[in-house]
Amino acid sequence: MKQFNNTISINHLMTSKDTIYSLILLLSSLTSQKIKILVLLSHIHPTRVSIKQLNQLMGYHKNSRKLNRGVIQELEDENLIIVERTNPKHLSIQLASYNPIMQSLVELVIEEGEKYAIQLHQLLEQYGSDI
């Protein structure tokens, strides 16, 4: 368990707990595929990935249709991810860290998920860039 610095205000702690609770509620309302996308993106944040790279990180073939644009569009519409359309067929995807709930997910990953993040970055290097 992490020790809190005595200079952290009660308001900050409450906001943090509220945000974590909001994160739990959000994750409980999403499909397993959407949760997996958000968890993967939080571990590689602020790296942007293509749909092919995201497919590969999720364990699908890079040309798989398991990850369709509808799922990506829904996450974008909910302000959970940022999608940059480099051209009509290629998307660049990253976690929307401007969203306080997604920022709390990133902070949690920074504190607790370093080993997994390193593994994902190594996989991305193997897959190469197609953005």
C-alpha atoms as a PDB file:
ATOM      1  CA  MET A   1       0.000   0.000   0.000  1.00  0.00           C
ATOM      2  CA  LYS A   2       1.351   3.403  -0.975  1.00  0.00           C
ATOM      3  CA  GLN A   3       1.991   6.011   1.696  1.00  0.00           C
ATOM      4  CA  PHE A   4       0.467   9.443   1.084  1.00  0.00           C
ATOM      5  CA  ASN A   5       2.524  12.566   1.591  1.00  0.00           C
ATOM      6  CA  ASN A   6       1.092  14.573   4.501  1.00  0.00           C
ATOM      7  CA  THR A   7       0.878  17.655   2.283  1.00  0.00           C
ATOM      8  CA  ILE A   8      -1.851  16.120   0.112  1.00  0.00           C
ATOM      9  CA  SER A   9      -5.111  17.843   0.918  1.00  0.00           C
ATOM     10  CA  ILE A  10      -8.274  15.990   1.855  1.00  0.00           C
ATOM     11  CA  ASN A  11      -9.982  17.541  -1.205  1.00  0.00           C
ATOM     12  CA  HIS A  12      -7.340  16.052  -3.520  1.00  0.00           C
ATOM     13  CA  LEU A  13      -7.712  12.659  -1.882  1.00  0.00           C
ATOM     14  CA  MET A  14     -11.509  12.792  -2.205  1.00  0.00           C
ATOM     15  CA  THR A  15     -11.265  13.857  -5.846  1.00  0.00           C
ATOM     16  CA  SER A  16      -8.866  11.011  -6.485  1.00  0.00           C
ATOM     17  CA  LYS A  17     -11.192   8.499  -4.802  1.00  0.00           C
ATOM     18  CA  ASP A  18     -14.161   9.912  -6.715  1.00  0.00           C
ATOM     19  CA  THR A  19     -12.267   9.547  -9.982  1.00  0.00           C
ATOM     20  CA  ILE A  20     -11.213   5.981  -9.192  1.00  0.00           C
ATOM     21  CA  TYR A  21     -14.822   5.161  -8.319  1.00  0.00           C
ATOM     22  CA  SER A  22     -15.925   6.728 -11.616  1.00  0.00           C
ATOM     23  CA  LEU A  23     -13.334   4.580 -13.387  1.00  0.00           C
ATOM     24  CA  ILE A  24     -14.733   1.442 -11.748  1.00  0.00           C
ATOM     25  CA  LEU A  25     -18.277   2.398 -12.753  1.00  0.00           C
ATOM     26  CA  LEU A  26     -17.178   3.140 -16.311  1.00  0.00           C
ATOM     27  CA  LEU A  27     -15.328  -0.156 -16.698  1.00  0.00           C
ATOM     28  CA  SER A  28     -18.278  -2.090 -15.295  1.00  0.00           C
ATOM     29  CA  SER A  29     -20.502  -0.607 -18.010  1.00  0.00           C
ATOM     30  CA  LEU A  30     -18.246  -1.492 -20.975  1.00  0.00           C
ATOM     31  CA  THR A  31     -17.868  -4.658 -23.013  1.00  0.00           C
ATOM     32  CA  SER A  32     -14.789  -6.778 -22.385  1.00  0.00           C
ATOM     33  CA  GLN A  33     -13.388  -5.743 -25.778  1.00  0.00           C
ATOM     34  CA  LYS A  34     -13.673  -2.031 -24.933  1.00  0.00           C
ATOM     35  CA  ILE A  35     -12.086  -2.603 -21.525  1.00  0.00           C
ATOM     36  CA  LYS A  36      -9.192  -4.459 -23.123  1.00  0.00           C
ATOM     37  CA  ILE A  37      -8.674  -1.587 -25.604  1.00  0.00           C
ATOM     38  CA  LEU A  38      -8.602   1.017 -22.823  1.00  0.00           C
ATOM     39  CA  VAL A  39      -6.260  -1.040 -20.652  1.00  0.00           C
ATOM     40  CA  LEU A  40      -3.868  -1.618 -23.547  1.00  0.00           C
ATOM     41  CA  LEU A  41      -3.912   2.041 -24.590  1.00  0.00           C
ATOM     42  CA  SER A  42      -3.341   3.176 -21.004  1.00  0.00           C
ATOM     43  CA  HIS A  43      -0.238   0.987 -20.756  1.00  0.00           C
ATOM     44  CA  ILE A  44       1.323   2.450 -23.895  1.00  0.00           C
ATOM     45  CA  HIS A  45       0.120   6.027 -23.374  1.00  0.00           C
ATOM     46  CA  PRO A  46       0.965   8.476 -24.991  1.00  0.00           C
ATOM     47  CA  THR A  47       1.945   6.234 -27.918  1.00  0.00           C
ATOM     48  CA  ARG A  48      -0.484   6.227 -30.827  1.00  0.00           C
ATOM     49  CA  VAL A  49      -1.294   2.967 -32.594  1.00  0.00           C
ATOM     50  CA  SER A  50      -3.033   1.915 -35.778  1.00  0.00           C
ATOM     51  CA  ILE A  51      -5.974  -0.483 -35.887  1.00  0.00           C
ATOM     52  CA  LYS A  52      -3.589  -3.189 -37.132  1.00  0.00           C
ATOM     53  CA  GLN A  53      -1.224  -2.663 -34.206  1.00  0.00           C
ATOM     54  CA  LEU A  54      -4.121  -2.621 -31.746  1.00  0.00           C
ATOM     55  CA  ASN A  55      -5.430  -5.873 -33.256  1.00  0.00           C
ATOM     56  CA  GLN A  56      -2.021  -7.452 -32.755  1.00  0.00           C
ATOM     57  CA  LEU A  57      -1.720  -6.213 -29.164  1.00  0.00           C
ATOM     58  CA  MET A  58      -5.143  -7.722 -28.458  1.00  0.00           C
ATOM     59  CA  GLY A  59      -3.974 -11.094 -29.776  1.00  0.00           C
ATOM     60  CA  TYR A  60      -5.792 -10.943 -33.114  1.00  0.00           C
ATOM     61  CA  HIS A  61      -4.247 -11.199 -36.565  1.00  0.00           C
ATOM     62  CA  LYS A  62      -3.253  -7.731 -37.774  1.00  0.00           C
ATOM     63  CA  ASN A  63      -5.835  -7.883 -40.585  1.00  0.00           C
ATOM     64  CA  SER A  64      -8.571  -9.294 -38.368  1.00  0.00           C
ATOM     65  CA  ARG A  65     -11.995  -7.667 -38.441  1.00  0.00           C
ATOM     66  CA  LYS A  66     -12.594  -8.419 -34.745  1.00  0.00           C
ATOM     67  CA  LEU A  67     -11.861  -4.788 -33.977  1.00  0.00           C
ATOM     68  CA  ASN A  68     -14.282  -2.875 -36.113  1.00  0.00           C
ATOM     69  CA  ARG A  69     -14.508   0.858 -36.552  1.00  0.00           C
ATOM     70  CA  GLY A  70     -17.858   0.875 -34.754  1.00  0.00           C
ATOM     71  CA  VAL A  71     -16.203  -0.068 -31.453  1.00  0.00           C
ATOM     72  CA  ILE A  72     -13.503   2.540 -32.006  1.00  0.00           C
ATOM     73  CA  GLN A  73     -16.127   5.145 -32.954  1.00  0.00           C
ATOM     74  CA  GLU A  74     -18.134   4.418 -29.790  1.00  0.00           C
ATOM     75  CA  LEU A  75     -15.055   4.872 -27.588  1.00  0.00           C
ATOM     76  CA  GLU A  76     -14.255   8.101 -29.412  1.00  0.00           C
ATOM     77  CA  ASP A  77     -17.847   9.360 -29.040  1.00  0.00           C
ATOM     78  CA  GLU A  78     -17.621   8.671 -25.300  1.00  0.00           C
ATOM     79  CA  ASN A  79     -14.404  10.773 -25.160  1.00  0.00           C
ATOM     80  CA  LEU A  80     -12.360   7.802 -23.984  1.00  0.00           C
ATOM     81  CA  ILE A  81      -9.962   7.684 -26.944  1.00  0.00           C
ATOM     82  CA  ILE A  82      -8.626  10.122 -29.517  1.00  0.00           C
ATOM     83  CA  VAL A  83      -8.796   9.021 -33.138  1.00  0.00           C
ATOM     84  CA  GLU A  84      -6.826  10.857 -35.761  1.00  0.00           C
ATOM     85  CA  ARG A  85      -7.715   9.986 -39.312  1.00  0.00           C
ATOM     86  CA  THR A  86      -4.429  10.055 -41.220  1.00  0.00           C
ATOM     87  CA  ASN A  87      -6.389   9.088 -44.349  1.00  0.00           C
ATOM     88  CA  PRO A  88      -9.757   7.396 -44.926  1.00  0.00           C
ATOM     89  CA  LYS A  89      -8.367   3.902 -44.319  1.00  0.00           C
ATOM     90  CA  HIS A  90      -5.828   4.576 -41.557  1.00  0.00           C
ATOM     91  CA  LEU A  91      -6.562   5.636 -38.014  1.00  0.00           C
ATOM     92  CA  SER A  92      -4.148   6.715 -35.312  1.00  0.00           C
ATOM     93  CA  ILE A  93      -5.556   5.856 -31.875  1.00  0.00           C
ATOM     94  CA  GLN A  94      -4.556   6.881 -28.364  1.00  0.00           C
ATOM     95  CA  LEU A  95      -6.140   7.179 -24.947  1.00  0.00           C
ATOM     96  CA  ALA A  96      -7.950  10.477 -24.262  1.00  0.00           C
ATOM     97  CA  SER A  97      -5.886  11.552 -21.268  1.00  0.00           C
ATOM     98  CA  TYR A  98      -7.714  14.910 -21.154  1.00  0.00           C
ATOM     99  CA  ASN A  99     -10.621  12.902 -19.719  1.00  0.00           C
ATOM    100  CA  PRO A 100     -10.124  12.840 -15.906  1.00  0.00           C
ATOM    101  CA  ILE A 101     -11.256   9.221 -15.688  1.00  0.00           C
ATOM    102  CA  MET A 102      -8.800   8.114 -18.367  1.00  0.00           C
ATOM    103  CA  GLN A 103      -6.079  10.199 -16.704  1.00  0.00           C
ATOM    104  CA  SER A 104      -6.692   8.274 -13.481  1.00  0.00           C
ATOM    105  CA  LEU A 105      -6.324   5.019 -15.435  1.00  0.00           C
ATOM    106  CA  VAL A 106      -2.991   6.236 -16.854  1.00  0.00           C
ATOM    107  CA  GLU A 107      -1.793   7.260 -13.376  1.00  0.00           C
ATOM    108  CA  LEU A 108      -2.753   3.864 -11.999  1.00  0.00           C
ATOM    109  CA  VAL A 109      -0.848   2.144 -14.788  1.00  0.00           C
ATOM    110  CA  ILE A 110       2.219   4.340 -14.221  1.00  0.00           C
ATOM    111  CA  GLU A 111       2.226   3.325 -10.563  1.00  0.00           C
ATOM    112  CA  GLU A 112       1.394  -0.355 -10.935  1.00  0.00           C
ATOM    113  CA  GLY A 113       1.746  -1.528 -14.538  1.00  0.00           C
ATOM    114  CA  GLU A 114       5.318  -0.802 -15.567  1.00  0.00           C
ATOM    115  CA  LYS A 115       6.312  -4.383 -16.479  1.00  0.00           C
ATOM    116  CA  TYR A 116       3.264  -4.898 -18.698  1.00  0.00           C
ATOM    117  CA  ALA A 117       3.834  -1.515 -20.354  1.00  0.00           C
ATOM    118  CA  ILE A 118       7.419  -2.503 -21.199  1.00  0.00           C
ATOM    119  CA  GLN A 119       6.202  -5.782 -22.730  1.00  0.00           C
ATOM    120  CA  LEU A 120       3.619  -3.956 -24.862  1.00  0.00           C
ATOM    121  CA  HIS A 121       6.180  -1.424 -26.118  1.00  0.00           C
ATOM    122  CA  GLN A 122       8.495  -4.300 -27.083  1.00  0.00           C
ATOM    123  CA  LEU A 123       5.659  -5.928 -29.024  1.00  0.00           C
ATOM    124  CA  LEU A 124       4.942  -2.643 -30.814  1.00  0.00           C
ATOM    125  CA  GLU A 125       8.583  -2.458 -31.872  1.00  0.00           C
ATOM    126  CA  GLN A 126       8.303  -5.992 -33.295  1.00  0.00           C
ATOM    127  CA  TYR A 127       5.094  -5.161 -35.168  1.00  0.00           C
ATOM    128  CA  GLY A 128       6.556  -2.002 -36.693  1.00  0.00           C
ATOM    129  CA  SER A 129       4.749   1.201 -37.515  1.00  0.00           C
ATOM    130  CA  ASP A 130       2.030   1.491 -40.122  1.00  0.00           C
ATOM    131  CA  ILE A 131       0.637   4.850 -39.084  1.00  0.00           C
END
